[in-house]
N, C-alpha and C. Protein backbone atom coordinates (compact mmCIF):
# COMPACT_ATOMS: atom_id res chain seq x y z
N GLN A 1 0.06 5.76 -20.49
CA GLN A 1 1.10 6.15 -19.50
C GLN A 1 0.56 5.63 -18.43
N VAL A 2 0.84 4.61 -17.44
CA VAL A 2 0.75 4.23 -16.26
C VAL A 2 1.50 5.37 -15.05
N GLN A 3 0.47 6.04 -14.21
CA GLN A 3 0.82 6.52 -12.99
C GLN A 3 0.10 6.13 -11.84
N LEU A 4 1.05 5.71 -10.52
CA LEU A 4 0.28 5.53 -9.40
C LEU A 4 1.17 6.82 -8.68
N VAL A 5 0.28 7.36 -8.04
CA VAL A 5 0.31 8.56 -7.20
C VAL A 5 0.11 8.42 -5.51
N GLU A 6 0.83 8.41 -4.74
CA GLU A 6 0.49 8.21 -3.16
C GLU A 6 0.35 9.77 -2.84
N SER A 7 -0.27 9.65 -1.73
CA SER A 7 -0.42 10.95 -0.79
C SER A 7 -0.96 10.59 0.59
N GLY A 8 -0.66 11.58 1.59
CA GLY A 8 -1.40 11.18 2.89
C GLY A 8 -0.36 11.01 3.70
N GLY A 9 0.90 10.81 3.28
CA GLY A 9 2.07 10.43 4.29
C GLY A 9 2.58 11.85 5.00
N GLY A 10 3.01 11.51 6.35
CA GLY A 10 3.54 12.74 7.26
C GLY A 10 4.36 12.25 8.19
N LEU A 11 3.96 13.51 9.18
CA LEU A 11 4.83 12.98 10.67
C LEU A 11 3.87 12.76 11.55
N VAL A 12 3.70 12.13 12.42
CA VAL A 12 2.48 11.70 13.30
C VAL A 12 3.53 10.97 14.72
N GLN A 13 2.29 11.07 15.73
CA GLN A 13 2.97 10.34 16.88
C GLN A 13 2.49 8.75 17.26
N THR A 14 3.32 8.34 17.74
CA THR A 14 2.95 7.13 18.36
C THR A 14 1.46 7.08 19.04
N GLY A 15 0.80 5.99 18.05
CA GLY A 15 -1.11 5.70 18.37
C GLY A 15 -1.53 6.57 17.51
N ASP A 16 -1.19 7.42 16.87
CA ASP A 16 -1.66 8.02 15.71
C ASP A 16 -2.31 7.59 14.82
N SER A 17 -3.43 8.02 13.81
CA SER A 17 -3.71 7.32 12.65
C SER A 17 -3.11 8.20 11.32
N LEU A 18 -3.32 7.66 10.14
CA LEU A 18 -2.84 8.00 9.06
C LEU A 18 -3.80 7.25 8.09
N ARG A 19 -4.30 7.93 6.86
CA ARG A 19 -4.69 7.66 5.91
C ARG A 19 -4.07 7.56 4.46
N LEU A 20 -3.02 6.67 3.87
CA LEU A 20 -2.47 6.78 2.75
C LEU A 20 -3.80 6.54 1.30
N SER A 21 -3.55 7.44 0.49
CA SER A 21 -4.25 7.16 -0.88
C SER A 21 -3.32 6.90 -1.92
N CYS A 22 -3.83 5.91 -3.16
CA CYS A 22 -3.06 6.10 -3.90
C CYS A 22 -3.72 5.77 -5.25
N ALA A 23 -3.63 6.98 -6.12
CA ALA A 23 -4.40 7.16 -7.31
C ALA A 23 -3.57 6.20 -8.85
N ALA A 24 -4.47 5.84 -9.18
CA ALA A 24 -3.96 5.05 -10.56
C ALA A 24 -4.52 5.73 -11.48
N SER A 25 -3.85 5.99 -12.64
CA SER A 25 -4.28 5.97 -13.89
C SER A 25 -3.47 5.66 -15.43
N GLY A 26 -4.23 5.24 -16.23
CA GLY A 26 -3.56 4.89 -17.31
C GLY A 26 -3.53 3.35 -17.55
N LEU A 27 -4.53 2.87 -16.70
CA LEU A 27 -4.79 1.24 -16.61
C LEU A 27 -6.23 1.08 -16.47
N THR A 28 -6.43 -0.25 -16.66
CA THR A 28 -7.95 -0.36 -16.25
C THR A 28 -7.78 -0.93 -14.61
N PHE A 29 -8.11 0.12 -13.84
CA PHE A 29 -8.02 -0.03 -12.41
C PHE A 29 -8.50 -1.36 -12.31
N SER A 30 -9.84 -1.80 -12.30
CA SER A 30 -10.65 -2.98 -11.90
C SER A 30 -10.13 -4.15 -12.24
N SER A 31 -9.07 -4.22 -13.26
CA SER A 31 -8.65 -5.46 -13.70
C SER A 31 -6.67 -5.55 -12.83
N TYR A 32 -6.99 -5.06 -11.68
CA TYR A 32 -5.45 -5.10 -10.96
C TYR A 32 -5.79 -5.09 -9.71
N ALA A 33 -4.87 -6.08 -9.03
CA ALA A 33 -5.02 -6.06 -7.63
C ALA A 33 -3.62 -5.32 -7.13
N MET A 34 -4.00 -4.51 -5.92
CA MET A 34 -3.16 -3.64 -5.46
C MET A 34 -2.62 -3.95 -4.38
N GLY A 35 -1.29 -3.79 -3.91
CA GLY A 35 -0.68 -3.82 -2.90
C GLY A 35 0.26 -2.66 -2.28
N TRP A 36 0.23 -2.56 -0.85
CA TRP A 36 1.04 -1.55 -0.54
C TRP A 36 2.38 -2.31 0.06
N PHE A 37 3.87 -1.52 -0.12
CA PHE A 37 5.05 -2.07 0.86
C PHE A 37 5.40 -0.81 1.07
N ARG A 38 6.40 -1.19 2.25
CA ARG A 38 7.22 -0.53 2.67
C ARG A 38 8.50 -0.49 2.76
N GLN A 39 9.48 0.60 2.95
CA GLN A 39 10.94 0.57 2.87
C GLN A 39 11.65 1.62 3.46
N THR A 40 12.55 0.84 4.40
CA THR A 40 13.56 1.68 5.36
C THR A 40 14.74 1.64 4.84
N PRO A 41 16.00 2.56 5.07
CA PRO A 41 17.19 2.55 4.40
C PRO A 41 17.77 1.20 4.73
N ALA A 42 17.61 0.72 6.18
CA ALA A 42 17.97 -0.51 6.45
C ALA A 42 18.05 -1.48 5.86
N LYS A 43 16.42 -1.94 5.38
CA LYS A 43 15.79 -2.91 4.91
C LYS A 43 15.20 -2.67 3.40
N GLU A 44 15.41 -4.03 2.96
CA GLU A 44 14.62 -4.23 1.63
C GLU A 44 13.56 -4.09 1.49
N ARG A 45 12.57 -3.60 0.69
CA ARG A 45 10.98 -3.42 0.19
C ARG A 45 10.19 -4.71 0.96
N GLU A 46 9.37 -4.41 1.90
CA GLU A 46 8.40 -5.45 2.41
C GLU A 46 7.09 -5.07 2.23
N PHE A 47 6.38 -6.39 2.15
CA PHE A 47 4.99 -6.08 1.83
C PHE A 47 4.06 -5.68 3.21
N VAL A 48 3.11 -5.00 2.95
CA VAL A 48 2.51 -4.52 4.03
C VAL A 48 1.08 -5.16 3.59
N ALA A 49 0.26 -4.86 2.84
CA ALA A 49 -0.83 -5.18 2.29
C ALA A 49 -1.41 -5.23 1.09
N HIS A 50 -2.65 -6.21 0.72
CA HIS A 50 -2.51 -6.74 -0.46
C HIS A 50 -4.24 -7.00 -0.70
N ILE A 51 -5.07 -5.93 -1.86
CA ILE A 51 -6.11 -6.51 -2.18
C ILE A 51 -6.51 -6.88 -3.54
N ASN A 52 -7.15 -7.89 -3.61
CA ASN A 52 -7.23 -8.40 -4.92
C ASN A 52 -8.05 -7.79 -5.85
N TRP A 53 -8.48 -7.77 -6.97
CA TRP A 53 -8.90 -7.26 -8.07
C TRP A 53 -10.52 -7.09 -7.95
N SER A 54 -10.99 -7.74 -7.20
CA SER A 54 -12.50 -7.58 -6.91
C SER A 54 -13.00 -6.88 -5.68
N GLY A 55 -11.52 -6.87 -4.91
CA GLY A 55 -11.80 -6.17 -3.57
C GLY A 55 -12.23 -7.06 -2.62
N ARG A 56 -12.63 -8.35 -2.75
CA ARG A 56 -13.42 -9.34 -2.00
C ARG A 56 -12.13 -9.85 -0.71
N SER A 57 -10.79 -9.92 -1.30
CA SER A 57 -10.01 -10.56 -0.65
C SER A 57 -8.94 -9.89 -0.18
N ASN A 58 -8.39 -9.63 1.25
CA ASN A 58 -7.38 -8.75 1.64
C ASN A 58 -6.43 -9.43 2.44
N PHE A 59 -5.03 -9.22 2.48
CA PHE A 59 -4.09 -9.82 3.32
C PHE A 59 -3.00 -8.70 3.52
N TYR A 60 -2.21 -9.05 4.78
CA TYR A 60 -1.93 -8.28 5.57
C TYR A 60 -0.69 -8.70 5.96
N ALA A 61 0.54 -7.91 5.99
CA ALA A 61 1.96 -8.68 7.20
C ALA A 61 1.34 -8.85 8.25
N TYR A 62 2.13 -9.63 9.01
CA TYR A 62 1.58 -10.01 10.54
C TYR A 62 1.94 -8.88 11.50
N SER A 63 3.00 -8.09 10.62
CA SER A 63 3.33 -6.92 11.82
C SER A 63 1.89 -5.50 11.88
N VAL A 64 1.28 -5.86 11.07
CA VAL A 64 0.42 -4.68 10.83
C VAL A 64 -1.09 -5.37 10.95
N LYS A 65 -1.65 -6.45 11.25
CA LYS A 65 -2.71 -7.14 11.18
C LYS A 65 -3.37 -6.57 12.59
N GLY A 66 -4.62 -5.85 12.01
CA GLY A 66 -5.30 -5.59 13.01
C GLY A 66 -5.36 -4.07 13.36
N ARG A 67 -4.36 -3.37 12.94
CA ARG A 67 -3.98 -1.91 12.96
C ARG A 67 -4.27 -1.34 11.49
N PHE A 68 -3.94 -2.11 10.53
CA PHE A 68 -4.09 -1.32 9.32
C PHE A 68 -5.42 -2.18 8.26
N THR A 69 -5.92 -1.37 7.26
CA THR A 69 -6.98 -1.87 6.50
C THR A 69 -6.94 -1.03 4.96
N ILE A 70 -6.55 -2.18 4.18
CA ILE A 70 -6.69 -1.87 2.83
C ILE A 70 -8.10 -1.75 2.01
N SER A 71 -8.14 -1.02 1.23
CA SER A 71 -9.39 -0.74 0.65
C SER A 71 -9.38 -0.12 -0.85
N ARG A 72 -10.21 -0.43 -1.65
CA ARG A 72 -10.01 0.13 -2.96
C ARG A 72 -11.76 1.05 -3.38
N ASP A 73 -11.84 1.77 -4.00
CA ASP A 73 -12.59 2.50 -4.86
C ASP A 73 -12.56 2.55 -6.16
N ASP A 74 -12.83 1.68 -6.76
CA ASP A 74 -12.98 1.54 -8.43
C ASP A 74 -13.35 2.85 -9.09
N ALA A 75 -14.61 3.42 -8.50
CA ALA A 75 -14.94 4.76 -9.24
C ALA A 75 -14.03 5.65 -9.19
N LYS A 76 -13.38 5.53 -8.24
CA LYS A 76 -12.19 6.63 -8.06
C LYS A 76 -10.89 6.20 -8.61
N ASN A 77 -10.46 4.97 -9.03
CA ASN A 77 -9.07 4.59 -8.96
C ASN A 77 -8.36 4.59 -8.18
N THR A 78 -8.68 4.71 -7.02
CA THR A 78 -8.13 4.74 -6.04
C THR A 78 -7.76 3.61 -4.87
N VAL A 79 -6.68 3.48 -4.52
CA VAL A 79 -6.58 2.08 -3.31
C VAL A 79 -5.85 3.14 -2.26
N TYR A 80 -6.74 2.62 -0.80
CA TYR A 80 -6.29 3.13 0.65
C TYR A 80 -5.69 2.29 1.33
N LEU A 81 -5.03 3.02 2.43
CA LEU A 81 -4.19 1.92 3.11
C LEU A 81 -4.68 3.03 4.65
N GLN A 82 -5.48 2.56 5.54
CA GLN A 82 -5.83 3.42 6.97
C GLN A 82 -5.00 2.58 7.46
N MET A 83 -4.10 3.49 8.44
CA MET A 83 -3.31 3.06 9.44
C MET A 83 -3.79 3.64 11.00
N ASN A 84 -3.66 2.94 11.77
CA ASN A 84 -4.38 3.26 13.18
C ASN A 84 -2.94 2.64 14.23
N SER A 85 -3.16 3.10 14.81
CA SER A 85 -2.43 2.66 16.51
C SER A 85 -0.72 2.89 15.85
N LEU A 86 -0.60 3.79 15.01
CA LEU A 86 1.10 3.78 14.71
C LEU A 86 2.24 3.44 15.34
N LYS A 87 3.00 2.87 15.15
CA LYS A 87 3.99 2.77 15.89
C LYS A 87 5.59 3.28 15.51
N VAL A 88 6.57 3.46 16.32
CA VAL A 88 7.74 3.93 15.89
C VAL A 88 8.17 3.05 14.50
N GLU A 89 8.22 1.71 14.50
CA GLU A 89 8.53 0.68 13.59
C GLU A 89 7.71 0.77 12.42
N ASP A 90 6.70 1.43 11.99
CA ASP A 90 6.32 1.70 11.15
C ASP A 90 6.64 3.12 10.32
N THR A 91 7.81 3.60 10.52
CA THR A 91 8.11 4.42 9.81
C THR A 91 8.76 4.17 8.69
N ALA A 92 8.44 4.72 7.71
CA ALA A 92 9.07 4.16 6.28
C ALA A 92 8.59 4.97 5.11
N VAL A 93 9.30 4.49 3.93
CA VAL A 93 8.88 5.19 2.66
C VAL A 93 7.72 4.27 1.95
N TYR A 94 6.30 4.42 2.06
CA TYR A 94 5.28 3.51 1.57
C TYR A 94 5.02 3.70 0.01
N TYR A 95 4.83 2.59 -0.86
CA TYR A 95 4.61 2.58 -1.73
C TYR A 95 3.41 1.49 -2.16
N CYS A 96 2.63 1.93 -3.02
CA CYS A 96 1.54 1.57 -3.66
C CYS A 96 2.36 0.78 -5.00
N ALA A 97 1.55 -0.53 -5.66
CA ALA A 97 1.83 -0.86 -6.53
C ALA A 97 0.78 -2.03 -7.04
N ALA A 98 0.73 -2.11 -8.50
CA ALA A 98 -0.56 -2.85 -9.25
C ALA A 98 0.15 -3.97 -9.97
N ALA A 99 -0.76 -5.04 -9.75
CA ALA A 99 -0.43 -6.11 -10.59
C ALA A 99 -1.93 -7.00 -11.20
N HIS A 100 -1.50 -7.21 -12.65
CA HIS A 100 -2.47 -7.10 -12.89
C HIS A 100 -3.11 -8.91 -12.56
N ARG A 101 -4.34 -8.82 -12.98
CA ARG A 101 -5.22 -10.12 -12.45
C ARG A 101 -4.58 -11.26 -13.07
N GLY A 102 -4.09 -11.10 -14.20
CA GLY A 102 -3.33 -12.25 -14.82
C GLY A 102 -2.25 -13.04 -14.31
N ASN A 103 -1.67 -11.86 -13.43
CA ASN A 103 -0.28 -12.45 -12.95
C ASN A 103 -0.40 -13.16 -12.03
N SER A 104 1.15 -14.29 -12.10
CA SER A 104 0.93 -15.60 -11.04
C SER A 104 1.83 -15.35 -10.21
N GLY A 105 1.92 -15.49 -8.81
CA GLY A 105 2.99 -15.56 -8.04
C GLY A 105 2.73 -15.00 -6.75
N SER A 106 3.74 -14.90 -5.71
CA SER A 106 3.10 -14.55 -4.21
C SER A 106 3.29 -12.89 -4.08
N ILE A 107 1.84 -12.76 -3.59
CA ILE A 107 1.38 -11.42 -3.56
C ILE A 107 2.18 -10.79 -2.60
N TYR A 108 3.08 -11.54 -1.79
CA TYR A 108 4.14 -10.66 -1.02
C TYR A 108 5.71 -10.42 -1.58
N SER A 109 5.84 -10.56 -2.81
CA SER A 109 6.87 -10.55 -3.64
C SER A 109 6.60 -9.29 -4.25
N THR A 110 7.73 -8.60 -4.64
CA THR A 110 7.50 -7.60 -5.25
C THR A 110 7.72 -7.59 -6.81
N ASP A 111 7.86 -9.06 -7.22
CA ASP A 111 8.09 -9.44 -8.50
C ASP A 111 6.53 -9.69 -9.21
N LEU A 112 5.75 -9.79 -8.36
CA LEU A 112 4.17 -10.06 -8.88
C LEU A 112 3.62 -8.71 -9.23
N TYR A 113 4.56 -7.46 -9.10
CA TYR A 113 3.70 -5.70 -9.11
C TYR A 113 4.20 -5.30 -10.47
N ASP A 114 3.31 -4.94 -11.44
CA ASP A 114 3.83 -4.42 -12.76
C ASP A 114 4.07 -2.88 -12.58
N TYR A 115 3.76 -2.43 -11.84
CA TYR A 115 3.91 -0.86 -11.52
C TYR A 115 3.79 -0.21 -10.00
N TRP A 116 4.62 0.52 -10.10
CA TRP A 116 4.94 1.09 -8.64
C TRP A 116 4.48 2.15 -9.06
N GLY A 117 4.30 3.44 -7.26
CA GLY A 117 4.16 4.49 -7.05
C GLY A 117 5.46 4.85 -6.81
N GLN A 118 5.66 6.41 -6.57
CA GLN A 118 7.16 7.34 -5.93
C GLN A 118 7.38 6.77 -4.61
N GLY A 119 6.41 6.46 -4.08
CA GLY A 119 6.30 6.57 -2.48
C GLY A 119 5.99 7.94 -1.64
N THR A 120 5.47 7.50 -0.38
CA THR A 120 5.25 8.93 0.68
C THR A 120 5.72 8.35 1.97
N GLN A 121 6.30 9.39 2.23
CA GLN A 121 6.98 8.85 3.47
C GLN A 121 6.27 9.40 4.81
N VAL A 122 6.14 8.14 5.61
CA VAL A 122 5.67 8.15 6.84
C VAL A 122 6.45 8.12 8.23
N THR A 123 6.37 9.39 8.89
CA THR A 123 7.37 8.94 10.35
C THR A 123 6.11 9.29 11.24
N VAL A 124 6.81 8.09 12.24
CA VAL A 124 6.18 8.42 13.75
C VAL A 124 7.04 8.44 14.62
N SER A 125 6.73 9.34 15.49
CA SER A 125 7.86 9.86 16.78
C SER A 125 7.07 9.45 17.97
N SER A 126 8.25 9.19 18.83
CA SER A 126 7.59 8.39 19.87
C SER A 126 7.37 10.07 20.84
């Protein structure tokens, strides 16, 4: 049974930092690309960041580029999202997702991903 468990969310102020973690189990982690998405009640789930299965390629949404960093530790079956210079508009539930390296499609689309975590709330206050 595949599980993705996010942690690290919380309530912070504008300009603060947070690091989200997503621990994976039940899959061969090194065979999966990993992504982070976020969602608010008013919007559909949107792409935040992606790291490929080898860890050599990263991609970011324009809105977070330069502030967020995605990384992975295959020894720990964990993907991270370091979020710096947080803004009020970063407030959302953050989800991690896993896409098998054999999948094809857009990394920006939820359709690419096979498994999802339950989400962790990030709230940024002004």
